[in-house]
């Protein structure tokens, strides 16, 4: 089972010694919005997700998904 990206962001943020406030400032968003992302109440745009990962020094990959209707 894959770990949720929000948990990874939180765990890496903590491991790097960053507060939500500091990470939010580095990414260019508010601390409340960063908290909402980590808690799963808000979804970041793909661009924002890449910015968060860049600041944390982690790489994000997407798996191909097939869809049939």
N, C-alpha and C. Protein backbone atom coordinates (compact mmCIF):
# COMPACT_ATOMS: atom_id res chain seq x y z
N UNK A 1 0.84 -1.19 0.00
CA UNK A 1 0.00 0.00 0.00
C UNK A 1 0.88 1.24 0.00
N UNK A 2 0.54 2.20 -0.83
CA UNK A 2 1.31 3.43 -0.91
C UNK A 2 0.88 4.41 0.18
N UNK A 3 1.87 5.11 0.69
CA UNK A 3 1.58 6.11 1.73
C UNK A 3 1.01 7.36 1.07
N UNK A 4 0.06 7.97 1.72
CA UNK A 4 -0.56 9.20 1.22
C UNK A 4 0.48 10.31 1.13
N UNK A 5 0.43 11.09 0.04
CA UNK A 5 1.42 12.15 -0.14
C UNK A 5 1.38 13.18 0.98
N UNK A 6 0.22 13.38 1.60
CA UNK A 6 0.14 14.35 2.70
C UNK A 6 0.97 13.90 3.89
N UNK A 7 0.92 12.62 4.19
CA UNK A 7 1.73 12.08 5.31
C UNK A 7 3.21 12.19 4.99
N UNK A 8 3.57 11.98 3.74
CA UNK A 8 4.97 12.10 3.34
C UNK A 8 5.43 13.54 3.51
N UNK A 9 4.62 14.49 3.04
CA UNK A 9 4.96 15.90 3.19
C UNK A 9 5.15 16.25 4.66
N UNK A 10 4.21 15.84 5.49
CA UNK A 10 4.30 16.13 6.93
C UNK A 10 5.56 15.49 7.54
N UNK A 11 5.78 14.22 7.24
CA UNK A 11 6.92 13.52 7.83
C UNK A 11 8.26 14.12 7.40
N UNK A 12 8.38 14.46 6.12
CA UNK A 12 9.62 15.06 5.63
C UNK A 12 9.78 16.47 6.21
N UNK A 13 8.70 17.22 6.28
CA UNK A 13 8.76 18.57 6.88
C UNK A 13 9.29 18.50 8.29
N UNK A 14 8.76 17.57 9.08
CA UNK A 14 9.19 17.42 10.47
C UNK A 14 10.64 16.95 10.53
N UNK A 15 11.00 15.99 9.68
CA UNK A 15 12.38 15.49 9.66
C UNK A 15 13.38 16.58 9.30
N UNK A 16 12.95 17.55 8.49
CA UNK A 16 13.82 18.66 8.09
C UNK A 16 13.81 19.79 9.12
N UNK A 17 13.01 19.63 10.17
CA UNK A 17 12.96 20.63 11.22
C UNK A 17 12.19 21.88 10.84
N UNK A 18 11.24 21.74 9.91
CA UNK A 18 10.46 22.89 9.47
C UNK A 18 9.09 22.89 10.12
N UNK A 19 8.66 24.05 10.54
CA UNK A 19 7.29 24.20 11.02
C UNK A 19 6.38 24.33 9.81
N UNK A 20 5.08 24.17 10.00
CA UNK A 20 4.14 24.41 8.91
C UNK A 20 4.26 25.85 8.43
N UNK A 21 4.44 26.76 9.37
CA UNK A 21 4.56 28.17 9.03
C UNK A 21 5.77 28.44 8.15
N UNK A 22 6.91 27.87 8.50
CA UNK A 22 8.14 28.08 7.74
C UNK A 22 8.01 27.48 6.34
N UNK A 23 7.48 26.26 6.25
CA UNK A 23 7.30 25.63 4.94
C UNK A 23 6.34 26.45 4.09
N UNK A 24 5.25 26.90 4.69
CA UNK A 24 4.27 27.71 3.96
C UNK A 24 4.93 28.97 3.40
N UNK A 25 5.74 29.64 4.20
CA UNK A 25 6.43 30.85 3.73
C UNK A 25 7.37 30.54 2.58
N UNK A 26 8.10 29.43 2.69
CA UNK A 26 9.04 29.05 1.63
C UNK A 26 8.31 28.70 0.32
N UNK A 27 7.11 28.16 0.45
CA UNK A 27 6.31 27.76 -0.72
C UNK A 27 5.52 28.95 -1.27
N UNK A 28 5.20 29.92 -0.40
CA UNK A 28 4.44 31.09 -0.84
C UNK A 28 2.94 30.96 -0.61
N UNK A 29 2.58 30.21 0.44
CA UNK A 29 1.17 30.07 0.80
C UNK A 29 1.01 30.38 2.28
N UNK A 30 -0.22 30.45 2.73
CA UNK A 30 -0.46 30.73 4.15
C UNK A 30 -0.31 29.46 4.99
N UNK A 31 0.00 29.65 6.27
CA UNK A 31 0.13 28.51 7.17
C UNK A 31 -1.20 27.77 7.32
N UNK A 32 -2.33 28.47 7.42
CA UNK A 32 -3.60 27.73 7.51
C UNK A 32 -3.85 26.85 6.27
N UNK A 33 -3.47 27.34 5.09
CA UNK A 33 -3.65 26.53 3.90
C UNK A 33 -2.73 25.32 3.92
N UNK A 34 -1.50 25.49 4.39
CA UNK A 34 -0.57 24.37 4.51
C UNK A 34 -1.13 23.33 5.46
N UNK A 35 -1.70 23.77 6.57
CA UNK A 35 -2.32 22.85 7.54
C UNK A 35 -3.47 22.08 6.89
N UNK A 36 -4.29 22.80 6.11
CA UNK A 36 -5.43 22.16 5.44
C UNK A 36 -4.96 21.10 4.44
N UNK A 37 -3.85 21.37 3.76
CA UNK A 37 -3.29 20.39 2.83
C UNK A 37 -2.84 19.15 3.59
N UNK A 38 -2.07 19.34 4.66
CA UNK A 38 -1.58 18.20 5.44
C UNK A 38 -2.71 17.40 6.07
N UNK A 39 -3.78 18.06 6.44
CA UNK A 39 -4.91 17.37 7.08
C UNK A 39 -5.86 16.75 6.07
N UNK A 40 -5.69 17.07 4.80
CA UNK A 40 -6.54 16.49 3.77
C UNK A 40 -7.83 17.23 3.51
N UNK A 41 -7.95 18.43 4.06
CA UNK A 41 -9.16 19.21 3.83
C UNK A 41 -9.09 20.07 2.57
N UNK A 42 -7.87 20.30 2.09
CA UNK A 42 -7.66 21.05 0.85
C UNK A 42 -6.69 20.26 -0.03
N UNK A 43 -6.85 20.42 -1.33
CA UNK A 43 -5.95 19.78 -2.28
C UNK A 43 -5.12 20.84 -2.98
N UNK A 44 -3.81 20.68 -2.97
CA UNK A 44 -2.97 21.65 -3.68
C UNK A 44 -3.08 21.42 -5.18
N UNK A 45 -2.82 22.47 -5.93
CA UNK A 45 -2.72 22.30 -7.39
C UNK A 45 -1.46 21.48 -7.66
N UNK A 46 -1.36 20.96 -8.85
CA UNK A 46 -0.16 20.19 -9.21
C UNK A 46 1.07 21.07 -9.10
N UNK A 47 0.96 22.31 -9.56
CA UNK A 47 2.08 23.25 -9.48
C UNK A 47 2.50 23.47 -8.02
N UNK A 48 1.52 23.67 -7.14
CA UNK A 48 1.84 23.89 -5.73
C UNK A 48 2.47 22.64 -5.11
N UNK A 49 1.95 21.47 -5.48
CA UNK A 49 2.51 20.23 -4.96
C UNK A 49 3.98 20.09 -5.36
N UNK A 50 4.29 20.44 -6.61
CA UNK A 50 5.68 20.41 -7.05
C UNK A 50 6.54 21.42 -6.30
N UNK A 51 5.99 22.60 -6.00
CA UNK A 51 6.74 23.61 -5.21
C UNK A 51 7.02 23.09 -3.81
N UNK A 52 6.03 22.49 -3.17
CA UNK A 52 6.21 21.93 -1.83
C UNK A 52 7.31 20.88 -1.85
N UNK A 53 7.23 19.98 -2.81
CA UNK A 53 8.22 18.91 -2.92
C UNK A 53 9.61 19.47 -3.21
N UNK A 54 9.68 20.50 -4.04
CA UNK A 54 10.97 21.12 -4.35
C UNK A 54 11.60 21.71 -3.10
N UNK A 55 10.80 22.43 -2.32
CA UNK A 55 11.31 23.03 -1.08
C UNK A 55 11.78 21.95 -0.10
N UNK A 56 11.06 20.84 -0.05
CA UNK A 56 11.41 19.75 0.87
C UNK A 56 12.53 18.86 0.32
N UNK A 57 12.85 19.02 -0.95
CA UNK A 57 13.90 18.20 -1.55
C UNK A 57 13.45 16.78 -1.83
N UNK A 58 12.19 16.61 -2.15
CA UNK A 58 11.68 15.28 -2.49
C UNK A 58 11.13 15.29 -3.91
N UNK A 59 11.09 14.12 -4.52
CA UNK A 59 10.60 13.97 -5.89
C UNK A 59 9.23 13.33 -5.86
N UNK A 60 8.37 13.81 -6.71
CA UNK A 60 7.03 13.23 -6.80
C UNK A 60 6.88 12.61 -8.19
N UNK A 61 6.25 11.46 -8.23
CA UNK A 61 5.98 10.80 -9.50
C UNK A 61 4.50 10.43 -9.56
N UNK A 62 4.00 10.32 -10.75
CA UNK A 62 2.61 9.94 -10.96
C UNK A 62 2.58 8.63 -11.71
N UNK A 63 1.68 7.77 -11.32
CA UNK A 63 1.48 6.52 -12.04
C UNK A 63 0.42 6.73 -13.10
N UNK A 64 0.56 6.03 -14.20
CA UNK A 64 -0.45 6.10 -15.25
C UNK A 64 -1.72 5.42 -14.77
N UNK A 65 -2.83 6.00 -15.12
CA UNK A 65 -4.12 5.46 -14.73
C UNK A 65 -4.93 5.24 -16.00
N UNK A 66 -5.50 4.06 -16.13
CA UNK A 66 -6.35 3.84 -17.31
C UNK A 66 -7.80 4.06 -16.91
N UNK A 67 -8.56 4.53 -17.87
CA UNK A 67 -9.95 4.84 -17.60
C UNK A 67 -10.77 4.32 -18.77
N UNK A 68 -11.81 3.60 -18.43
CA UNK A 68 -12.72 3.10 -19.45
C UNK A 68 -14.12 3.54 -19.10
N UNK A 69 -14.83 4.03 -20.08
CA UNK A 69 -16.22 4.44 -19.81
C UNK A 69 -17.18 3.78 -20.76
